[in-house]
Amino acid sequence: MEVKAEARYLRTSPQKARLVIDLIRGQKAGDAINILRSTNKRVAPSIEKVLRSAIANAENRSNDTDVDKLIVTEAYVNEGPRMKRVRPAPMGRAYRYQRRMAHIIVKVGDVKGGDKK
């Protein structure tokens, strides 16, 4: 069994979020929460929230799910839309820049359900 949770339109760069997501991919769910709590990145609490949501989804879907045996089977970050902004520059010019957004997807499952071999 594999259950997913996602957070969309997070105001963080996907590149920065991928640094944290790479730390928890393939870990046990409890270990992943501990890793996220000790990670000193701004996006870590948001990823922890998505992970907890995926764990809760697994509990709601099946009553016989053992939370201690859940592992993070998939975790990835996709790029969301970009907000185009303009910053004033010298001599009446304007510099354009983009504020990026990210979609975070975390899937948890048990060992036998997560393996497709």
Protein backbone atom coordinates (compact mmCIF):
# COMPACT_ATOMS: atom_id res chain seq x y z
CA MET A 1 0.00 0.00 0.00
CA GLU A 2 1.30 3.43 -0.92
CA VAL A 3 -0.28 6.70 0.22
CA LYS A 4 0.64 10.20 -0.87
CA ALA A 5 0.32 13.74 0.38
CA GLU A 6 1.30 16.91 -1.40
CA ALA A 7 1.69 20.58 -0.70
CA ARG A 8 1.30 22.89 -3.65
CA TYR A 9 2.36 26.47 -4.29
CA LEU A 10 4.90 26.68 -1.46
CA ARG A 11 6.85 29.91 -1.59
CA THR A 12 10.29 28.37 -1.72
CA SER A 13 12.70 27.53 -4.47
CA PRO A 14 12.42 23.93 -5.68
CA GLN A 15 16.21 23.67 -5.72
CA LYS A 16 16.38 24.50 -2.02
CA ALA A 17 13.53 22.13 -1.17
CA ARG A 18 15.22 19.26 -3.04
CA LEU A 19 18.23 19.53 -0.73
CA VAL A 20 16.01 18.63 2.23
CA ILE A 21 13.83 16.09 0.41
CA ASP A 22 16.94 14.10 -0.58
CA LEU A 23 17.70 13.58 3.12
CA ILE A 24 14.46 11.67 3.86
CA ARG A 25 13.95 9.61 0.70
CA GLY A 26 14.00 5.89 1.58
CA GLN A 27 14.06 6.46 5.36
CA LYS A 28 11.60 5.11 7.91
CA ALA A 29 8.83 7.61 8.62
CA GLY A 30 9.84 8.13 12.26
CA ASP A 31 13.49 8.60 11.34
CA ALA A 32 12.52 11.04 8.59
CA ILE A 33 10.61 13.20 11.08
CA ASN A 34 13.67 13.27 13.37
CA ILE A 35 15.90 14.23 10.44
CA LEU A 36 13.57 17.06 9.46
CA ARG A 37 13.39 18.37 13.02
CA SER A 38 17.17 18.59 13.22
CA THR A 39 17.64 20.06 9.74
CA ASN A 40 18.42 23.77 9.83
CA LYS A 41 16.58 24.84 6.68
CA ARG A 42 13.56 27.10 6.33
CA VAL A 43 11.61 24.57 4.25
CA ALA A 44 12.07 21.66 6.69
CA PRO A 45 8.90 22.36 8.77
CA SER A 46 6.80 22.46 5.60
CA ILE A 47 8.17 19.11 4.43
CA GLU A 48 7.58 17.66 7.90
CA LYS A 49 3.97 18.81 7.70
CA VAL A 50 3.53 17.02 4.35
CA LEU A 51 5.16 13.87 5.74
CA ARG A 52 2.85 13.87 8.77
CA SER A 53 -0.11 14.32 6.44
CA ALA A 54 0.98 11.29 4.39
CA ILE A 55 1.29 9.22 7.58
CA ALA A 56 -2.20 10.33 8.67
CA ASN A 57 -3.57 9.45 5.22
CA ALA A 58 -2.09 5.95 5.59
CA GLU A 59 -3.76 5.56 9.00
CA ASN A 60 -7.12 6.72 7.66
CA ARG A 61 -7.03 4.50 4.60
CA SER A 62 -6.40 1.27 6.48
CA ASN A 63 -6.96 0.45 10.14
CA ASP A 64 -4.34 -2.30 10.25
CA THR A 65 -1.49 -0.02 9.12
CA ASP A 66 1.54 -0.13 11.41
CA VAL A 67 2.93 3.41 11.51
CA ASP A 68 6.31 2.19 12.78
CA LYS A 69 6.85 0.16 9.60
CA LEU A 70 6.05 2.94 7.14
CA ILE A 71 8.90 4.16 4.96
CA VAL A 72 9.19 7.12 2.61
CA THR A 73 8.94 5.33 -0.73
CA GLU A 74 8.95 8.45 -2.91
CA ALA A 75 9.65 12.09 -2.19
CA TYR A 76 10.16 14.70 -4.84
CA VAL A 77 9.75 18.40 -5.57
CA ASN A 78 8.29 19.81 -8.75
CA GLU A 79 8.49 23.38 -9.90
CA GLY A 80 5.35 25.46 -9.56
CA PRO A 81 4.46 28.68 -11.31
CA ARG A 82 6.79 31.64 -11.14
CA MET A 83 5.79 35.12 -10.07
CA LYS A 84 7.44 37.71 -12.27
CA ARG A 85 8.44 40.83 -10.40
CA VAL A 86 10.17 44.10 -11.28
CA ARG A 87 12.74 45.88 -9.14
CA PRO A 88 13.71 49.51 -9.72
CA ALA A 89 17.20 49.99 -11.08
CA PRO A 90 19.42 53.05 -11.61
CA MET A 91 18.68 55.63 -14.30
CA GLY A 92 15.00 54.76 -14.63
CA ARG A 93 15.58 51.17 -15.62
CA ALA A 94 13.95 48.08 -14.15
CA TYR A 95 15.39 44.67 -13.33
CA ARG A 96 13.10 41.65 -13.69
CA TYR A 97 13.34 38.74 -11.29
CA GLN A 98 11.27 35.64 -10.59
CA ARG A 99 9.92 34.35 -7.32
CA ARG A 100 9.72 30.60 -7.55
CA MET A 101 7.17 28.20 -6.07
CA ALA A 102 7.38 24.49 -5.41
CA HIS A 103 5.04 21.50 -5.26
CA ILE A 104 6.19 18.91 -2.68
CA ILE A 105 5.00 15.30 -2.98
CA VAL A 106 5.72 12.64 -0.34
CA LYS A 107 4.58 9.01 -0.64
CA VAL A 108 4.77 6.55 2.24
CA GLY A 109 4.17 2.84 2.21
CA ASP A 110 5.01 -0.36 3.95
CA VAL A 111 8.02 -2.40 2.86
CA LYS A 112 6.10 -5.12 1.06
CA GLY A 113 3.77 -2.63 -0.66
CA GLY A 114 6.52 -0.19 -1.58
CA ASP A 115 8.73 -2.82 -3.24
CA LYS A 116 7.70 -3.66 -6.76
CA LYS A 117 10.18 -6.52 -7.26
